Protein backbone atom coordinates (compact mmCIF):
# COMPACT_ATOMS: atom_id res chain seq x y z
CA UNK A 1 83.49 21.48 68.54
CA UNK A 2 82.30 24.60 70.42
CA UNK A 3 85.19 25.50 72.25
CA UNK A 4 87.26 24.83 69.09
CA UNK A 5 84.90 27.15 67.12
CA UNK A 6 85.91 29.68 69.54
CA UNK A 7 89.41 29.91 69.37
CA UNK A 8 88.89 30.40 65.52
CA UNK A 9 86.64 33.33 65.89
CA UNK A 10 89.11 34.67 68.85
CA UNK A 11 91.99 34.48 67.06
CA UNK A 12 90.09 35.82 64.19
CA UNK A 13 88.84 38.86 65.92
CA UNK A 14 92.84 39.66 67.13
CA UNK A 15 93.28 39.21 63.69
CA UNK A 16 90.44 42.08 62.89
CA UNK A 17 92.20 44.43 65.02
CA UNK A 18 95.12 44.00 64.07
CA UNK A 19 94.18 44.81 60.32
CA UNK A 20 91.35 47.85 61.38
CA UNK A 21 94.41 49.37 62.92
CA UNK A 22 96.07 48.68 59.82
CA UNK A 23 93.27 49.68 56.92
CA UNK A 24 91.39 52.22 59.58
CA UNK A 25 87.55 51.49 59.26
CA UNK A 26 87.67 49.02 56.39
CA UNK A 27 87.95 46.31 58.02
CA UNK A 28 85.55 46.42 62.06
CA UNK A 29 85.45 44.03 65.08
CA UNK A 30 82.10 44.61 64.23
CA UNK A 31 81.94 42.57 60.88
CA UNK A 32 84.38 39.59 62.42
CA UNK A 33 82.13 39.06 64.85
CA UNK A 34 78.86 39.24 62.96
CA UNK A 35 80.17 36.08 60.72
CA UNK A 36 81.50 34.58 63.55
CA UNK A 37 78.37 34.96 65.27
CA UNK A 38 76.14 32.29 63.86
CA UNK A 39 78.78 29.28 64.24
CA UNK A 40 79.48 30.17 67.81
CA UNK A 41 75.00 29.86 68.19
CA UNK A 42 75.24 26.65 66.21
CA UNK A 43 77.95 25.06 67.92
CA UNK A 44 76.73 25.96 71.62
CA UNK A 45 73.02 24.41 71.22
CA UNK A 46 74.11 20.85 71.78
CA UNK A 47 71.05 18.80 72.58
CA UNK A 48 71.68 15.74 74.57
CA UNK A 49 70.62 12.52 73.08
CA UNK A 50 68.97 9.86 74.75
CA UNK A 51 68.92 6.04 73.68
CA UNK A 52 65.63 4.08 75.07
CA UNK A 53 66.57 0.27 74.90
CA UNK A 54 63.60 -1.78 75.82
CA UNK A 55 64.26 -5.27 74.70
CA UNK A 56 63.14 -7.87 76.56
CA UNK A 57 64.50 -11.53 76.38
CA UNK A 58 62.06 -13.07 79.45
CA UNK A 59 58.91 -11.72 81.13
CA UNK A 60 58.08 -8.27 79.21
CA UNK A 61 56.81 -5.56 81.70
CA UNK A 62 53.41 -4.43 79.65
CA UNK A 63 53.68 -0.44 80.41
CA UNK A 64 57.07 -0.51 79.08
CA UNK A 65 55.15 1.08 75.07
CA UNK A 66 53.88 3.59 77.36
CA UNK A 67 56.76 4.09 79.05
CA UNK A 68 58.53 4.75 75.67
CA UNK A 69 55.88 7.49 75.01
CA UNK A 70 56.54 9.34 78.16
CA UNK A 71 60.47 9.46 78.17
CA UNK A 72 59.71 10.81 74.54
CA UNK A 73 57.58 13.31 75.68
CA UNK A 74 59.76 14.77 78.85
CA UNK A 75 62.31 14.97 75.53
CA UNK A 76 61.12 17.05 73.40
CA UNK A 77 59.71 19.13 76.44
CA UNK A 78 63.28 19.22 78.22
CA UNK A 79 65.86 19.74 75.10
CA UNK A 80 67.35 16.62 74.45
CA UNK A 81 66.41 13.27 71.68
CA UNK A 82 65.29 10.67 72.63
CA UNK A 83 65.57 7.89 70.52
CA UNK A 84 63.62 4.22 70.90
CA UNK A 85 65.14 0.43 69.93
CA UNK A 86 64.52 -2.84 70.72
CA UNK A 87 67.43 -4.12 68.30
CA UNK A 88 71.00 -5.20 70.08
CA UNK A 89 72.71 -3.78 66.52
CA UNK A 90 72.83 -0.44 67.83
CA UNK A 91 75.39 -1.43 70.46
CA UNK A 92 78.55 -0.70 68.52
CA UNK A 93 81.18 1.97 69.13
CA UNK A 94 80.20 4.08 66.83
CA UNK A 95 76.13 3.80 67.14
CA UNK A 96 76.78 4.86 70.59
CA UNK A 97 78.75 7.11 70.71
CA UNK A 98 75.71 9.78 68.89
CA UNK A 99 74.34 9.23 72.71
CA UNK A 100 74.68 11.05 76.01
CA UNK A 101 72.98 8.82 78.16
CA UNK A 102 71.63 5.01 77.92
CA UNK A 103 68.11 4.07 79.20
CA UNK A 104 67.05 0.53 79.85
CA UNK A 105 63.66 0.65 80.00
CA UNK A 106 62.09 -2.72 81.86
CA UNK A 107 65.11 -4.95 80.06
CA UNK A 108 64.56 -8.47 81.18
CA UNK A 109 67.13 -11.59 80.57
CA UNK A 110 70.86 -11.41 78.47
CA UNK A 111 70.21 -10.22 75.07
CA UNK A 112 74.09 -8.68 74.79
CA UNK A 113 76.78 -10.44 73.02
CA UNK A 114 80.10 -9.81 74.18
CA UNK A 115 80.80 -7.21 71.12
CA UNK A 116 77.92 -5.43 72.04
CA UNK A 117 78.72 -5.80 76.08
CA UNK A 118 82.38 -4.15 75.22
CA UNK A 119 80.68 -1.47 73.27
CA UNK A 120 78.35 -0.68 76.04
CA UNK A 121 81.48 -0.61 78.46
CA UNK A 122 83.84 1.66 76.16
CA UNK A 123 80.16 3.67 75.97
CA UNK A 124 80.58 4.31 79.92
CA UNK A 125 83.95 4.51 80.34
CA UNK A 126 84.19 7.77 77.94
CA UNK A 127 82.07 9.21 80.52
CA UNK A 128 78.54 9.43 79.60
CA UNK A 129 75.76 7.72 81.65
CA UNK A 130 73.30 5.38 82.50
CA UNK A 131 69.36 4.92 83.08
CA UNK A 132 67.84 1.97 84.75
CA UNK A 133 64.28 1.47 85.24
CA UNK A 134 62.18 -1.26 87.25
CA UNK A 135 63.20 -4.48 85.26
CA UNK A 136 66.47 -2.86 84.26
CA UNK A 137 67.79 -5.25 87.55
CA UNK A 138 66.34 -7.89 86.14
CA UNK A 139 68.66 -8.32 83.05
CA UNK A 140 72.23 -9.15 82.22
CA UNK A 141 72.56 -11.68 85.64
CA UNK A 142 75.86 -13.31 83.35
CA UNK A 143 77.68 -10.09 83.55
CA UNK A 144 79.14 -9.05 86.34
CA UNK A 145 80.45 -5.92 85.16
CA UNK A 146 76.54 -4.79 84.72
CA UNK A 147 75.68 -6.14 88.12
CA UNK A 148 77.94 -3.27 89.46
CA UNK A 149 76.65 -0.85 86.77
CA UNK A 150 73.05 -1.23 87.73
CA UNK A 151 73.56 -1.38 91.38
CA UNK A 152 71.87 -4.00 92.52
CA UNK A 153 70.38 -7.79 91.06
CA UNK A 154 66.78 -8.51 91.44
CA UNK A 155 65.21 -10.97 93.53
CA UNK A 156 61.45 -11.68 93.62
CA UNK A 157 58.38 -9.27 94.83
CA UNK A 158 55.33 -9.66 96.46
CA UNK A 159 52.23 -8.65 94.55
CA UNK A 160 51.20 -5.07 93.94
CA UNK A 161 50.16 -2.59 96.27
CA UNK A 162 51.00 0.22 98.31
CA UNK A 163 53.89 1.29 100.29
CA UNK A 164 55.73 4.24 102.13
CA UNK A 165 58.79 5.42 100.52
CA UNK A 166 61.59 7.43 101.95
CA UNK A 167 63.38 9.83 100.29
CA UNK A 168 66.73 10.00 102.16
CA UNK A 169 68.15 12.84 99.77
CA UNK A 170 65.97 15.30 99.05
CA UNK A 171 68.00 17.86 97.13
CA UNK A 172 69.22 15.28 94.21
CA UNK A 173 67.97 16.24 90.90
CA UNK A 174 65.77 13.23 90.66
CA UNK A 175 64.76 14.02 94.64
CA UNK A 176 64.06 17.24 95.35
CA UNK A 177 60.20 17.48 93.78
CA UNK A 178 59.30 14.48 95.57
CA UNK A 179 57.36 14.79 99.15
CA UNK A 180 59.75 13.30 102.06
CA UNK A 181 56.90 10.57 102.87
CA UNK A 182 56.28 9.23 99.70
CA UNK A 183 52.67 6.57 99.48
CA UNK A 184 52.49 5.33 96.29
CA UNK A 185 50.68 1.57 94.67
CA UNK A 186 53.77 -0.55 92.27
CA UNK A 187 55.68 -3.75 92.38
CA UNK A 188 58.44 -3.42 95.06
CA UNK A 189 61.75 -5.30 94.52
CA UNK A 190 63.73 -6.94 96.24
CA UNK A 191 67.63 -7.61 95.76
CA UNK A 192 70.49 -9.31 96.10
CA UNK A 193 74.35 -8.32 95.18
CA UNK A 194 73.96 -4.68 96.23
CA UNK A 195 76.88 -2.45 95.74
CA UNK A 196 78.49 -0.84 98.31
CA UNK A 197 79.18 2.62 96.90
CA UNK A 198 75.73 3.62 96.07
CA UNK A 199 74.04 6.55 96.88
CA UNK A 200 71.12 5.86 98.19
CA UNK A 201 68.36 8.03 97.37
CA UNK A 202 64.64 6.62 98.22
CA UNK A 203 64.08 3.02 100.63
CA UNK A 204 61.05 1.61 101.17
CA UNK A 205 58.74 0.96 104.28
CA UNK A 206 59.35 -2.41 104.60
CA UNK A 207 55.92 -2.14 107.90
CA UNK A 208 53.65 -0.36 104.82
CA UNK A 209 53.63 -3.57 103.37
CA UNK A 210 53.54 -6.94 102.91
CA UNK A 211 57.30 -8.68 101.61
CA UNK A 212 57.79 -12.09 100.69
CA UNK A 213 61.58 -11.37 102.11
CA UNK A 214 62.73 -11.33 105.50
CA UNK A 215 63.22 -8.00 106.67
CA UNK A 216 66.63 -5.82 105.96
CA UNK A 217 68.10 -2.71 107.36
CA UNK A 218 68.07 -0.84 104.80
CA UNK A 219 65.43 -1.56 101.61
CA UNK A 220 67.04 0.94 98.43
CA UNK A 221 64.52 1.20 95.79
CA UNK A 222 66.30 4.31 94.12
CA UNK A 223 69.86 5.14 93.87
CA UNK A 224 73.48 6.71 91.34
CA UNK A 225 76.89 6.02 91.48
CA UNK A 226 79.70 7.03 89.36
CA UNK A 227 81.28 3.81 87.98
CA UNK A 228 83.46 3.07 85.38
CA UNK A 229 84.26 6.68 84.55
CA UNK A 230 80.47 7.77 83.55
CA UNK A 231 76.86 7.69 85.81
CA UNK A 232 74.77 5.61 86.68
CA UNK A 233 71.41 6.04 88.14
CA UNK A 234 68.33 3.01 89.09
CA UNK A 235 64.70 3.85 90.36
CA UNK A 236 62.88 0.17 91.12
CA UNK A 237 59.32 2.23 90.28
CA UNK A 238 57.73 1.76 87.09
CA UNK A 239 55.77 -1.45 86.33
CA UNK A 240 52.55 0.00 86.29
CA UNK A 241 51.19 2.03 83.23
CA UNK A 242 49.32 4.54 86.04
CA UNK A 243 53.15 5.13 86.88
CA UNK A 244 53.98 6.80 83.56
CA UNK A 245 51.17 9.31 84.04
CA UNK A 246 52.64 10.03 87.61
CA UNK A 247 53.73 13.65 87.44
CA UNK A 248 56.19 13.24 90.76
CA UNK A 249 56.79 9.74 89.46
CA UNK A 250 57.41 11.26 85.82
CA UNK A 251 59.68 14.46 87.47
CA UNK A 252 61.95 11.70 89.15
CA UNK A 253 63.00 10.07 86.06
CA UNK A 254 63.56 13.07 84.58
CA UNK A 255 66.20 13.75 87.26
CA UNK A 256 67.34 10.69 86.66
CA UNK A 257 68.05 11.49 83.34
CA UNK A 258 69.34 15.03 83.69
CA UNK A 259 71.79 13.05 85.75
CA UNK A 260 72.61 10.84 83.43
CA UNK A 261 73.52 12.86 80.46
CA UNK A 262 75.30 15.06 83.31
CA UNK A 263 73.11 17.90 83.59
CA UNK A 264 73.51 19.74 87.19
CA UNK A 265 70.80 21.63 87.96
């Protein structure tokens, strides 16, 4: 829309130039620019809009409430609009067209029907973004497309405990504010069906906590990738209420949202 308005205004400037030459000072380039500028300003200011979806068909995390409030506050402070919902009827082509990214905030279980899944798929195919937080990997196990989008599926976890994280890519928009070695308390997932194309951002040091699974060579905790025309970011962190008042974690989530909506810096 902005480019269209800009094109029309450029055309008006060209007409103004010819008119000014013919009519001397009775019609000026300045007046033509002034007429166009409000429309240009309005069109240029596009506020990204994010849908935070937190429906649960299985276990429900107590931190969902504080998570929604925190993302609303991130949006207000960083120039993007946030809508929250747990109503699957929002998954239509027409409604999702309003959004730049969809956030699955600790969703669990299977809840979308085939038509709603198709609308979600169309959304990503149009170059939009997805953010999965914590239990988003405990969601839609029967839908292969979603498993590839989110990047892996949850298997199980040990008790919540302190552990050490390693930042693999410290230049990413979601990690550059984090310490290279990050010790924090959370619930640590084990995964299956980890997709081979993931750009891993954070790993967990399995020697730093008591796990209930055999050790793996690499145990990713956050990643991103391009998928089916769009962008997907996932972070395993965020089980605890306290996570949502942790400035480092909030900056991590903000970076993931910025990536999903297409922000470069």
